[in-house]
Amino acid sequence: MATGRSSEWATRDRSEASAAFRRLDRVTRPIARLAGVLSLIAVLGLAGCVPEPATPAPSETSTAASTAPASPEPPAAPALVADGDADANLPYFSQVVGGVWGSEDRAAGRAYVDALVSAGFDKAAMQVTEDSSTVGNPAESIQFSVRWGDDCLMGQVGPATGDPVTTVMAGLPSGGCLLGQTRPIDW
């Protein structure tokens, strides 16, 4: 009889354990799905983000340096440096982007491409994202880029961005600069 009872208890314990695991699975499976969806949303939300360039901390100046007379000439305006690298051309790229941002065409990707071409950047080396969403709403942000050697001059503008963001980033091994869907520059 003792053996029969042990077997009965073991069967009941397994049945209760199995029911407990099913209940646990009903609770954890939706949580795991939710975590997966939230992770996907976070990745997609960050896919188009362009980090802001680091700004160097102000350096301390000596008393002698602070009493030196200011130079009479203002610094030269940024210009395209055809034989320079992407870092050398970032100030000019930023100036062109800022000019478009200050215009009525601030939400049109084409306006940035056209202004950069007019400023001397190579149209064939550019990429730009769509101005509107798949349902026709204005894009929260527009990204555009110019491949410069192994690097990319990157820009991002739009209501979600605030002021224009420009930076230099390493180019993609595929030869482009932007991940995801871009629009053809066929004008």
N, C-alpha and C. Protein backbone atom coordinates (compact mmCIF):
# COMPACT_ATOMS: atom_id res chain seq x y z
N MET A 1 0.79 -1.19 0.00
CA MET A 1 0.00 0.00 0.00
C MET A 1 0.84 1.26 0.00
N ALA A 2 1.95 1.24 0.68
CA ALA A 2 2.79 2.42 0.72
C ALA A 2 3.27 2.78 -0.67
N THR A 3 3.57 1.77 -1.47
CA THR A 3 4.04 2.02 -2.82
C THR A 3 2.93 2.66 -3.65
N GLY A 4 1.70 2.24 -3.51
CA GLY A 4 0.58 2.80 -4.25
C GLY A 4 0.34 4.26 -3.89
N ARG A 5 0.44 4.56 -2.57
CA ARG A 5 0.27 5.94 -2.15
C ARG A 5 1.37 6.83 -2.68
N SER A 6 2.60 6.36 -2.66
CA SER A 6 3.72 7.15 -3.17
C SER A 6 3.52 7.46 -4.64
N SER A 7 3.07 6.46 -5.37
CA SER A 7 2.83 6.65 -6.79
C SER A 7 1.68 7.65 -7.01
N GLU A 8 0.64 7.54 -6.18
CA GLU A 8 -0.49 8.46 -6.29
C GLU A 8 -0.05 9.89 -5.99
N TRP A 9 0.76 10.08 -4.94
CA TRP A 9 1.26 11.41 -4.58
C TRP A 9 2.18 11.95 -5.68
N ALA A 10 3.03 11.09 -6.22
CA ALA A 10 3.96 11.52 -7.28
C ALA A 10 3.18 11.98 -8.51
N THR A 11 2.13 11.23 -8.87
CA THR A 11 1.32 11.60 -10.01
C THR A 11 0.62 12.94 -9.75
N ARG A 12 0.08 13.11 -8.55
CA ARG A 12 -0.59 14.35 -8.20
C ARG A 12 0.39 15.52 -8.18
N ASP A 13 1.60 15.30 -7.65
CA ASP A 13 2.61 16.35 -7.63
C ASP A 13 3.00 16.76 -9.05
N ARG A 14 3.16 15.79 -9.94
CA ARG A 14 3.50 16.11 -11.34
C ARG A 14 2.37 16.87 -12.00
N SER A 15 1.15 16.48 -11.73
CA SER A 15 -0.01 17.15 -12.31
C SER A 15 -0.10 18.59 -11.81
N GLU A 16 0.13 18.80 -10.52
CA GLU A 16 0.09 20.15 -9.96
C GLU A 16 1.24 20.99 -10.51
N ALA A 17 2.42 20.37 -10.64
CA ALA A 17 3.57 21.09 -11.18
C ALA A 17 3.31 21.48 -12.63
N SER A 18 2.72 20.57 -13.39
CA SER A 18 2.42 20.86 -14.79
C SER A 18 1.42 22.00 -14.90
N ALA A 19 0.41 22.00 -14.05
CA ALA A 19 -0.58 23.09 -14.06
C ALA A 19 0.07 24.41 -13.67
N ALA A 20 0.98 24.37 -12.70
CA ALA A 20 1.68 25.58 -12.29
C ALA A 20 2.53 26.13 -13.43
N PHE A 21 3.21 25.26 -14.16
CA PHE A 21 4.02 25.71 -15.29
C PHE A 21 3.14 26.30 -16.39
N ARG A 22 1.96 25.73 -16.63
CA ARG A 22 1.06 26.28 -17.63
C ARG A 22 0.58 27.67 -17.22
N ARG A 23 0.25 27.84 -15.93
CA ARG A 23 -0.16 29.16 -15.45
C ARG A 23 0.98 30.16 -15.59
N LEU A 24 2.19 29.74 -15.23
CA LEU A 24 3.36 30.60 -15.34
C LEU A 24 3.61 30.97 -16.79
N ASP A 25 3.44 30.01 -17.69
CA ASP A 25 3.65 30.26 -19.11
C ASP A 25 2.64 31.27 -19.63
N ARG A 26 1.37 31.19 -19.16
CA ARG A 26 0.35 32.15 -19.59
C ARG A 26 0.69 33.57 -19.14
N VAL A 27 1.41 33.69 -18.05
CA VAL A 27 1.79 35.01 -17.54
C VAL A 27 3.05 35.52 -18.22
N THR A 28 4.05 34.67 -18.36
CA THR A 28 5.34 35.13 -18.88
C THR A 28 5.37 35.28 -20.39
N ARG A 29 4.60 34.50 -21.11
CA ARG A 29 4.63 34.59 -22.58
C ARG A 29 4.21 35.98 -23.07
N PRO A 30 3.10 36.57 -22.60
CA PRO A 30 2.75 37.93 -23.04
C PRO A 30 3.80 38.96 -22.62
N ILE A 31 4.40 38.78 -21.46
CA ILE A 31 5.44 39.71 -21.03
C ILE A 31 6.64 39.61 -21.96
N ALA A 32 7.02 38.41 -22.34
CA ALA A 32 8.14 38.23 -23.26
C ALA A 32 7.82 38.84 -24.62
N ARG A 33 6.57 38.67 -25.08
CA ARG A 33 6.17 39.29 -26.36
C ARG A 33 6.24 40.80 -26.27
N LEU A 34 5.73 41.36 -25.17
CA LEU A 34 5.76 42.80 -24.98
C LEU A 34 7.20 43.31 -24.96
N ALA A 35 8.08 42.60 -24.26
CA ALA A 35 9.48 43.00 -24.21
C ALA A 35 10.09 42.98 -25.62
N GLY A 36 9.74 41.98 -26.41
CA GLY A 36 10.25 41.91 -27.77
C GLY A 36 9.76 43.06 -28.63
N VAL A 37 8.47 43.39 -28.50
CA VAL A 37 7.90 44.50 -29.26
C VAL A 37 8.55 45.82 -28.84
N LEU A 38 8.69 46.03 -27.54
CA LEU A 38 9.32 47.27 -27.06
C LEU A 38 10.77 47.37 -27.53
N SER A 39 11.48 46.25 -27.55
CA SER A 39 12.87 46.27 -28.05
C SER A 39 12.90 46.65 -29.51
N LEU A 40 11.99 46.10 -30.29
CA LEU A 40 11.93 46.41 -31.72
C LEU A 40 11.61 47.89 -31.93
N ILE A 41 10.67 48.42 -31.16
CA ILE A 41 10.33 49.84 -31.27
C ILE A 41 11.53 50.70 -30.93
N ALA A 42 12.26 50.32 -29.88
CA ALA A 42 13.45 51.10 -29.49
C ALA A 42 14.51 51.07 -30.58
N VAL A 43 14.74 49.92 -31.19
CA VAL A 43 15.74 49.80 -32.25
C VAL A 43 15.32 50.63 -33.46
N LEU A 44 14.05 50.52 -33.86
CA LEU A 44 13.58 51.28 -35.01
C LEU A 44 13.60 52.77 -34.72
N GLY A 45 13.28 53.15 -33.51
CA GLY A 45 13.30 54.56 -33.15
C GLY A 45 14.68 55.15 -33.20
N LEU A 46 15.69 54.34 -32.90
CA LEU A 46 17.06 54.83 -32.89
C LEU A 46 17.77 54.66 -34.22
N ALA A 47 17.16 53.88 -35.13
CA ALA A 47 17.83 53.59 -36.39
C ALA A 47 18.15 54.84 -37.19
N GLY A 48 17.31 55.80 -37.19
CA GLY A 48 17.54 57.01 -37.95
C GLY A 48 18.22 58.10 -37.20
N CYS A 49 18.54 57.90 -35.96
CA CYS A 49 19.15 58.94 -35.14
C CYS A 49 20.59 59.18 -35.50
N VAL A 50 20.92 60.40 -35.47
CA VAL A 50 22.29 60.79 -35.72
C VAL A 50 22.78 61.49 -34.47
N PRO A 51 23.89 61.01 -33.87
CA PRO A 51 24.35 61.66 -32.64
C PRO A 51 24.86 63.07 -32.91
N GLU A 52 24.71 63.91 -31.90
CA GLU A 52 25.22 65.26 -32.02
C GLU A 52 26.74 65.24 -31.89
N PRO A 53 27.43 66.14 -32.58
CA PRO A 53 28.88 66.16 -32.45
C PRO A 53 29.27 66.58 -31.03
N ALA A 54 30.34 66.00 -30.58
CA ALA A 54 30.83 66.36 -29.25
C ALA A 54 31.39 67.77 -29.27
N THR A 55 31.09 68.53 -28.27
CA THR A 55 31.63 69.88 -28.18
C THR A 55 32.74 69.86 -27.15
N PRO A 56 33.89 70.35 -27.53
CA PRO A 56 35.01 70.32 -26.59
C PRO A 56 34.74 71.24 -25.41
N ALA A 57 35.22 70.82 -24.26
CA ALA A 57 35.08 71.64 -23.06
C ALA A 57 35.94 72.88 -23.21
N PRO A 58 35.47 73.99 -22.69
CA PRO A 58 36.29 75.20 -22.81
C PRO A 58 37.58 75.03 -22.04
N SER A 59 38.65 75.47 -22.66
CA SER A 59 39.95 75.33 -22.00
C SER A 59 40.24 76.58 -21.20
N GLU A 60 41.02 76.38 -20.17
CA GLU A 60 41.40 77.52 -19.36
C GLU A 60 42.45 78.33 -20.12
N THR A 61 42.37 79.62 -20.01
CA THR A 61 43.35 80.48 -20.67
C THR A 61 44.16 81.17 -19.60
N SER A 62 45.38 81.43 -19.92
CA SER A 62 46.24 82.12 -18.96
C SER A 62 45.89 83.60 -18.96
N THR A 63 46.35 84.29 -17.96
CA THR A 63 46.10 85.72 -17.84
C THR A 63 46.71 86.46 -19.02
N ALA A 64 47.86 86.02 -19.45
CA ALA A 64 48.54 86.69 -20.57
C ALA A 64 47.73 86.51 -21.85
N ALA A 65 47.18 85.31 -22.04
CA ALA A 65 46.41 85.06 -23.25
C ALA A 65 45.12 85.87 -23.25
N SER A 66 44.52 86.04 -22.09
CA SER A 66 43.26 86.78 -22.05
C SER A 66 43.46 88.28 -22.23
N THR A 67 44.67 88.79 -22.01
CA THR A 67 44.91 90.22 -22.18
C THR A 67 45.50 90.54 -23.55
N ALA A 68 45.74 89.50 -24.37
CA ALA A 68 46.30 89.74 -25.70
C ALA A 68 45.25 90.45 -26.55
N PRO A 69 45.68 91.35 -27.44
CA PRO A 69 44.72 92.08 -28.27
C PRO A 69 44.03 91.13 -29.25
N ALA A 70 42.76 91.38 -29.50
CA ALA A 70 42.00 90.57 -30.44
C ALA A 70 42.48 90.87 -31.85
N SER A 71 42.44 89.85 -32.70
CA SER A 71 42.88 90.06 -34.07
C SER A 71 41.84 90.93 -34.78
N PRO A 72 42.27 91.83 -35.62
CA PRO A 72 41.35 92.74 -36.29
C PRO A 72 40.51 92.06 -37.37
N GLU A 73 40.97 90.90 -37.85
CA GLU A 73 40.25 90.23 -38.93
C GLU A 73 39.27 89.20 -38.37
N PRO A 74 38.04 89.20 -38.87
CA PRO A 74 37.11 88.15 -38.45
C PRO A 74 37.55 86.82 -39.08
N PRO A 75 37.19 85.72 -38.46
CA PRO A 75 37.57 84.42 -39.05
C PRO A 75 36.93 84.26 -40.43
N ALA A 76 37.61 83.55 -41.27
CA ALA A 76 37.11 83.31 -42.63
C ALA A 76 35.84 82.48 -42.57
N ALA A 77 34.93 82.78 -43.47
CA ALA A 77 33.69 82.01 -43.56
C ALA A 77 34.01 80.59 -44.01
N PRO A 78 33.26 79.61 -43.54
CA PRO A 78 33.52 78.24 -43.98
C PRO A 78 33.39 78.13 -45.50
N ALA A 79 34.18 77.25 -46.06
CA ALA A 79 34.15 77.03 -47.51
C ALA A 79 34.41 75.55 -47.78
N LEU A 80 34.03 75.11 -48.97
CA LEU A 80 34.29 73.74 -49.37
C LEU A 80 35.79 73.53 -49.50
N VAL A 81 36.28 72.46 -48.89
CA VAL A 81 37.69 72.11 -48.98
C VAL A 81 37.77 70.82 -49.79
N ALA A 82 37.89 70.99 -51.12
CA ALA A 82 37.81 69.85 -52.04
C ALA A 82 38.83 68.78 -51.73
N ASP A 83 40.03 69.16 -51.33
CA ASP A 83 41.06 68.17 -51.03
C ASP A 83 41.14 67.85 -49.54
N GLY A 84 40.19 68.35 -48.75
CA GLY A 84 40.15 68.08 -47.32
C GLY A 84 39.32 66.85 -47.02
N ASP A 85 39.32 66.47 -45.75
CA ASP A 85 38.52 65.32 -45.34
C ASP A 85 37.13 65.80 -44.89
N ALA A 86 36.32 64.86 -44.45
CA ALA A 86 34.95 65.20 -44.03
C ALA A 86 34.96 66.18 -42.86
N ASP A 87 35.87 66.00 -41.91
CA ASP A 87 35.94 66.91 -40.76
C ASP A 87 36.23 68.34 -41.20
N ALA A 88 37.09 68.50 -42.21
CA ALA A 88 37.42 69.83 -42.71
C ALA A 88 36.22 70.49 -43.39
N ASN A 89 35.28 69.67 -43.91
CA ASN A 89 34.12 70.20 -44.62
C ASN A 89 32.86 70.29 -43.77
N LEU A 90 32.93 69.80 -42.54
CA LEU A 90 31.76 69.85 -41.67
C LEU A 90 31.27 71.28 -41.41
N PRO A 91 32.14 72.26 -41.15
CA PRO A 91 31.62 73.62 -40.91
C PRO A 91 30.84 74.17 -42.11
N TYR A 92 31.32 73.91 -43.31
CA TYR A 92 30.64 74.40 -44.51
C TYR A 92 29.31 73.66 -44.70
N PHE A 93 29.33 72.34 -44.53
CA PHE A 93 28.13 71.51 -44.61
C PHE A 93 27.08 72.04 -43.62
N SER A 94 27.52 72.30 -42.40
CA SER A 94 26.61 72.80 -41.36
C SER A 94 26.04 74.17 -41.73
N GLN A 95 26.85 75.01 -42.32
CA GLN A 95 26.39 76.35 -42.73
C GLN A 95 25.31 76.23 -43.81
N VAL A 96 25.53 75.36 -44.79
CA VAL A 96 24.55 75.17 -45.86
C VAL A 96 23.24 74.62 -45.28
N VAL A 97 23.35 73.63 -44.40
CA VAL A 97 22.16 73.04 -43.77
C VAL A 97 21.41 74.11 -42.97
N GLY A 98 22.14 74.93 -42.23
CA GLY A 98 21.52 76.00 -41.45
C GLY A 98 20.79 77.01 -42.32
N GLY A 99 21.34 77.27 -43.50
CA GLY A 99 20.68 78.19 -44.43
C GLY A 99 19.34 77.66 -44.91
N VAL A 100 19.29 76.38 -45.22
CA VAL A 100 18.02 75.78 -45.66
C VAL A 100 17.05 75.73 -44.48
N TRP A 101 17.55 75.39 -43.30
CA TRP A 101 16.69 75.30 -42.12
C TRP A 101 16.01 76.65 -41.84
N GLY A 102 16.68 77.73 -42.15
CA GLY A 102 16.12 79.06 -41.94
C GLY A 102 15.16 79.50 -43.03
N SER A 103 14.92 78.68 -44.02
CA SER A 103 14.05 79.04 -45.15
C SER A 103 12.68 78.38 -45.02
N GLU A 104 11.80 78.71 -45.96
CA GLU A 104 10.46 78.10 -45.99
C GLU A 104 10.52 76.63 -46.40
N ASP A 105 11.63 76.19 -47.02
CA ASP A 105 11.77 74.81 -47.48
C ASP A 105 12.40 73.91 -46.43
N ARG A 106 12.37 74.29 -45.18
CA ARG A 106 13.05 73.56 -44.11
C ARG A 106 12.58 72.12 -43.96
N ALA A 107 11.40 71.75 -44.43
CA ALA A 107 10.87 70.39 -44.29
C ALA A 107 10.96 69.59 -45.58
N ALA A 108 11.73 70.07 -46.55
CA ALA A 108 11.84 69.39 -47.84
C ALA A 108 13.25 68.84 -48.02
N GLY A 109 13.37 67.53 -48.07
CA GLY A 109 14.68 66.91 -48.27
C GLY A 109 15.36 67.38 -49.54
N ARG A 110 14.57 67.58 -50.57
CA ARG A 110 15.12 68.04 -51.85
C ARG A 110 15.83 69.39 -51.69
N ALA A 111 15.30 70.27 -50.85
CA ALA A 111 15.91 71.58 -50.65
C ALA A 111 17.33 71.44 -50.08
N TYR A 112 17.54 70.48 -49.19
CA TYR A 112 18.87 70.27 -48.63
C TYR A 112 19.82 69.71 -49.69
N VAL A 113 19.33 68.75 -50.47
CA VAL A 113 20.15 68.18 -51.54
C VAL A 113 20.52 69.27 -52.54
N ASP A 114 19.54 70.04 -52.99
CA ASP A 114 19.80 71.10 -53.98
C ASP A 114 20.78 72.14 -53.44
N ALA A 115 20.62 72.54 -52.18
CA ALA A 115 21.53 73.53 -51.60
C ALA A 115 22.95 72.97 -51.48
N LEU A 116 23.07 71.70 -51.10
CA LEU A 116 24.40 71.10 -50.98
C LEU A 116 25.06 70.95 -52.36
N VAL A 117 24.27 70.63 -53.37
CA VAL A 117 24.81 70.55 -54.74
C VAL A 117 25.27 71.94 -55.18
N SER A 118 24.45 72.95 -54.93
CA SER A 118 24.83 74.33 -55.29
C SER A 118 26.10 74.78 -54.56
N ALA A 119 26.32 74.23 -53.38
CA ALA A 119 27.50 74.59 -52.59
C ALA A 119 28.74 73.81 -53.03
N GLY A 120 28.57 72.86 -53.97
CA GLY A 120 29.73 72.15 -54.49
C GLY A 120 29.86 70.70 -54.07
N PHE A 121 28.93 70.19 -53.28
CA PHE A 121 28.98 68.79 -52.87
C PHE A 121 28.47 67.90 -54.00
N ASP A 122 28.97 66.68 -54.08
CA ASP A 122 28.67 65.75 -55.16
C ASP A 122 27.29 65.11 -54.96
N LYS A 123 26.38 65.38 -55.87
CA LYS A 123 25.02 64.85 -55.79
C LYS A 123 25.01 63.32 -55.83
N ALA A 124 25.91 62.73 -56.59
CA ALA A 124 25.96 61.27 -56.72
C ALA A 124 26.38 60.60 -55.41
N ALA A 125 26.98 61.36 -54.50
CA ALA A 125 27.43 60.81 -53.22
C ALA A 125 26.41 61.06 -52.11
N MET A 126 25.21 61.54 -52.46
CA MET A 126 24.21 61.91 -51.45
C MET A 126 23.13 60.86 -51.29
N GLN A 127 22.54 60.87 -50.10
CA GLN A 127 21.35 60.09 -49.78
C GLN A 127 20.42 61.00 -48.98
N VAL A 128 19.11 60.74 -49.10
CA VAL A 128 18.12 61.51 -48.35
C VAL A 128 16.92 60.61 -48.06
N THR A 129 16.31 60.81 -46.89
CA THR A 129 15.11 60.05 -46.55
C THR A 129 13.88 60.80 -47.05
N GLU A 130 12.74 60.16 -46.96
CA GLU A 130 11.47 60.72 -47.42
C GLU A 130 11.04 61.92 -46.58
N ASP A 131 10.27 62.81 -47.18
CA ASP A 131 9.73 63.98 -46.49
C ASP A 131 8.44 63.66 -45.75
N SER A 132 7.82 62.54 -46.10
CA SER A 132 6.54 62.20 -45.49
C SER A 132 6.50 60.71 -45.13
N SER A 133 5.59 60.38 -44.22
CA SER A 133 5.44 58.99 -43.79
C SER A 133 4.69 58.20 -44.86
N THR A 134 4.55 56.91 -44.62
CA THR A 134 3.86 56.06 -45.59
C THR A 134 2.37 56.39 -45.70
N VAL A 135 1.82 57.10 -44.72
CA VAL A 135 0.41 57.49 -44.78
C VAL A 135 0.25 58.96 -45.15
N GLY A 136 1.34 59.61 -45.57
CA GLY A 136 1.27 60.97 -46.07
C GLY A 136 1.47 62.07 -45.06
N ASN A 137 1.74 61.74 -43.81
CA ASN A 137 2.02 62.77 -42.81
C ASN A 137 3.44 63.29 -42.96
N PRO A 138 3.68 64.55 -42.60
CA PRO A 138 5.05 65.07 -42.66
C PRO A 138 5.99 64.22 -41.78
N ALA A 139 7.19 63.99 -42.26
CA ALA A 139 8.16 63.20 -41.50
C ALA A 139 8.55 63.95 -40.23
N GLU A 140 8.74 63.19 -39.16
CA GLU A 140 9.20 63.78 -37.90
C GLU A 140 10.64 64.27 -38.03
N SER A 141 11.41 63.59 -38.87
CA SER A 141 12.77 64.06 -39.14
C SER A 141 13.19 63.57 -40.53
N ILE A 142 14.08 64.31 -41.12
CA ILE A 142 14.63 63.98 -42.43
C ILE A 142 16.14 63.86 -42.24
N GLN A 143 16.71 62.79 -42.76
CA GLN A 143 18.16 62.61 -42.72
C GLN A 143 18.71 62.72 -44.14
N PHE A 144 19.91 63.24 -44.23
CA PHE A 144 20.58 63.35 -45.52
C PHE A 144 22.07 63.22 -45.27
N SER A 145 22.78 62.83 -46.31
CA SER A 145 24.21 62.60 -46.14
C SER A 145 24.96 62.83 -47.44
N VAL A 146 26.26 63.05 -47.28
CA VAL A 146 27.19 63.13 -48.40
C VAL A 146 28.36 62.23 -48.05
N ARG A 147 28.61 61.22 -48.89
CA ARG A 147 29.77 60.35 -48.67
C ARG A 147 31.01 61.14 -49.05
N TRP A 148 32.00 61.15 -48.15
CA TRP A 148 33.25 61.89 -48.38
C TRP A 148 34.39 60.94 -48.02
N GLY A 149 34.93 60.27 -49.03
CA GLY A 149 35.96 59.27 -48.77
C GLY A 149 35.36 58.12 -47.98
N ASP A 150 35.99 57.76 -46.88
CA ASP A 150 35.48 56.69 -46.03
C ASP A 150 34.46 57.18 -45.01
N ASP A 151 34.26 58.48 -44.94
CA ASP A 151 33.37 59.08 -43.95
C ASP A 151 32.13 59.65 -44.60
N CYS A 152 31.21 60.11 -43.76
CA CYS A 152 29.96 60.71 -44.23
C CYS A 152 29.68 61.99 -43.46
N LEU A 153 29.31 63.01 -44.19
CA LEU A 153 28.75 64.21 -43.59
C LEU A 153 27.26 63.92 -43.43
N MET A 154 26.77 63.97 -42.22
CA MET A 154 25.39 63.57 -41.92
C MET A 154 24.61 64.77 -41.40
N GLY A 155 23.35 64.88 -41.82
CA GLY A 155 22.47 65.92 -41.33
C GLY A 155 21.12 65.35 -40.97
N GLN A 156 20.50 65.94 -39.95
CA GLN A 156 19.16 65.55 -39.55
C GLN A 156 18.39 66.80 -39.15
N VAL A 157 17.19 66.96 -39.69
CA VAL A 157 16.34 68.11 -39.40
C VAL A 157 14.90 67.63 -39.24
N GLY A 158 14.09 68.46 -38.64
CA GLY A 158 12.68 68.14 -38.53
C GLY A 158 12.12 68.52 -37.18
N PRO A 159 10.80 68.44 -37.03
CA PRO A 159 10.17 68.82 -35.78
C PRO A 159 10.67 68.01 -34.59
N ALA A 160 10.98 66.74 -34.79
CA ALA A 160 11.45 65.90 -33.69
C ALA A 160 12.90 66.19 -33.32
N THR A 161 13.61 66.87 -34.19
CA THR A 161 15.04 67.13 -33.98
C THR A 161 15.29 68.47 -33.32
N GLY A 162 14.43 69.44 -33.58
CA GLY A 162 14.70 70.79 -33.11
C GLY A 162 15.64 71.45 -34.10
N ASP A 163 16.70 72.04 -33.61
CA ASP A 163 17.69 72.65 -34.51
C ASP A 163 18.38 71.57 -35.32
N PRO A 164 18.91 71.94 -36.50
CA PRO A 164 19.61 70.95 -37.32
C PRO A 164 20.78 70.31 -36.57
N VAL A 165 20.98 69.04 -36.85
CA VAL A 165 22.10 68.30 -36.28
C VAL A 165 22.98 67.88 -37.44
N THR A 166 24.27 68.18 -37.36
CA THR A 166 25.22 67.75 -38.39
C THR A 166 26.41 67.12 -37.70
N THR A 167 26.99 66.13 -38.34
CA THR A 167 28.15 65.45 -37.77
C THR A 167 28.87 64.68 -38.86
N VAL A 168 30.02 64.15 -38.52
CA VAL A 168 30.78 63.25 -39.40
C VAL A 168 30.74 61.87 -38.77
N MET A 169 30.41 60.88 -39.57
CA MET A 169 30.39 59.49 -39.11
C MET A 169 31.08 58.63 -40.15
N ALA A 170 31.52 57.47 -39.71
CA ALA A 170 32.14 56.52 -40.63
C ALA A 170 31.10 56.04 -41.63
N GLY A 171 31.51 55.89 -42.88
CA GLY A 171 30.61 55.38 -43.91
C GLY A 171 30.33 53.91 -43.71
N LEU A 172 29.24 53.46 -44.30
CA LEU A 172 28.87 52.04 -44.23
C LEU A 172 29.74 51.23 -45.19
N PRO A 173 30.03 50.00 -44.85
CA PRO A 173 30.83 49.16 -45.76
C PRO A 173 30.18 49.00 -47.13
N SER A 174 28.85 49.15 -47.20
CA SER A 174 28.14 49.00 -48.47
C SER A 174 28.37 50.19 -49.40
N GLY A 175 28.98 51.25 -48.87
CA GLY A 175 29.26 52.43 -49.68
C GLY A 175 28.36 53.61 -49.38
N GLY A 176 27.25 53.40 -48.70
CA GLY A 176 26.34 54.48 -48.37
C GLY A 176 26.62 55.05 -47.00
N CYS A 177 25.69 55.88 -46.55
CA CYS A 177 25.80 56.50 -45.23
C CYS A 177 24.59 56.24 -44.36
N LEU A 178 23.41 56.17 -44.96
CA LEU A 178 22.17 56.03 -44.20
C LEU A 178 21.68 54.59 -44.23
N LEU A 179 21.22 54.12 -43.07
CA LEU A 179 20.59 52.81 -42.99
C LEU A 179 19.12 52.94 -43.31
N GLY A 180 18.53 51.91 -43.82
CA GLY A 180 17.09 51.91 -44.06
C GLY A 180 16.72 52.50 -45.41
N GLN A 181 15.44 52.82 -45.53
CA GLN A 181 14.88 53.29 -46.78
C GLN A 181 15.29 54.74 -47.07
N THR A 182 15.81 54.98 -48.25
CA THR A 182 16.09 56.34 -48.71
C THR A 182 15.34 56.54 -50.03
N ARG A 183 15.19 57.79 -50.40
CA ARG A 183 14.48 58.07 -51.64
C ARG A 183 15.48 58.31 -52.77
N PRO A 184 15.10 58.00 -53.99
CA PRO A 184 16.01 58.25 -55.12
C PRO A 184 16.21 59.75 -55.30
N ILE A 185 17.42 60.13 -55.60
CA ILE A 185 17.72 61.53 -55.94
C ILE A 185 17.79 61.57 -57.46
N ASP A 186 16.63 61.69 -58.08
CA ASP A 186 16.54 61.57 -59.54
C ASP A 186 16.06 62.87 -60.22
N TRP A 187 16.32 63.97 -59.61
CA TRP A 187 15.93 65.25 -60.21
C TRP A 187 17.15 66.02 -60.63
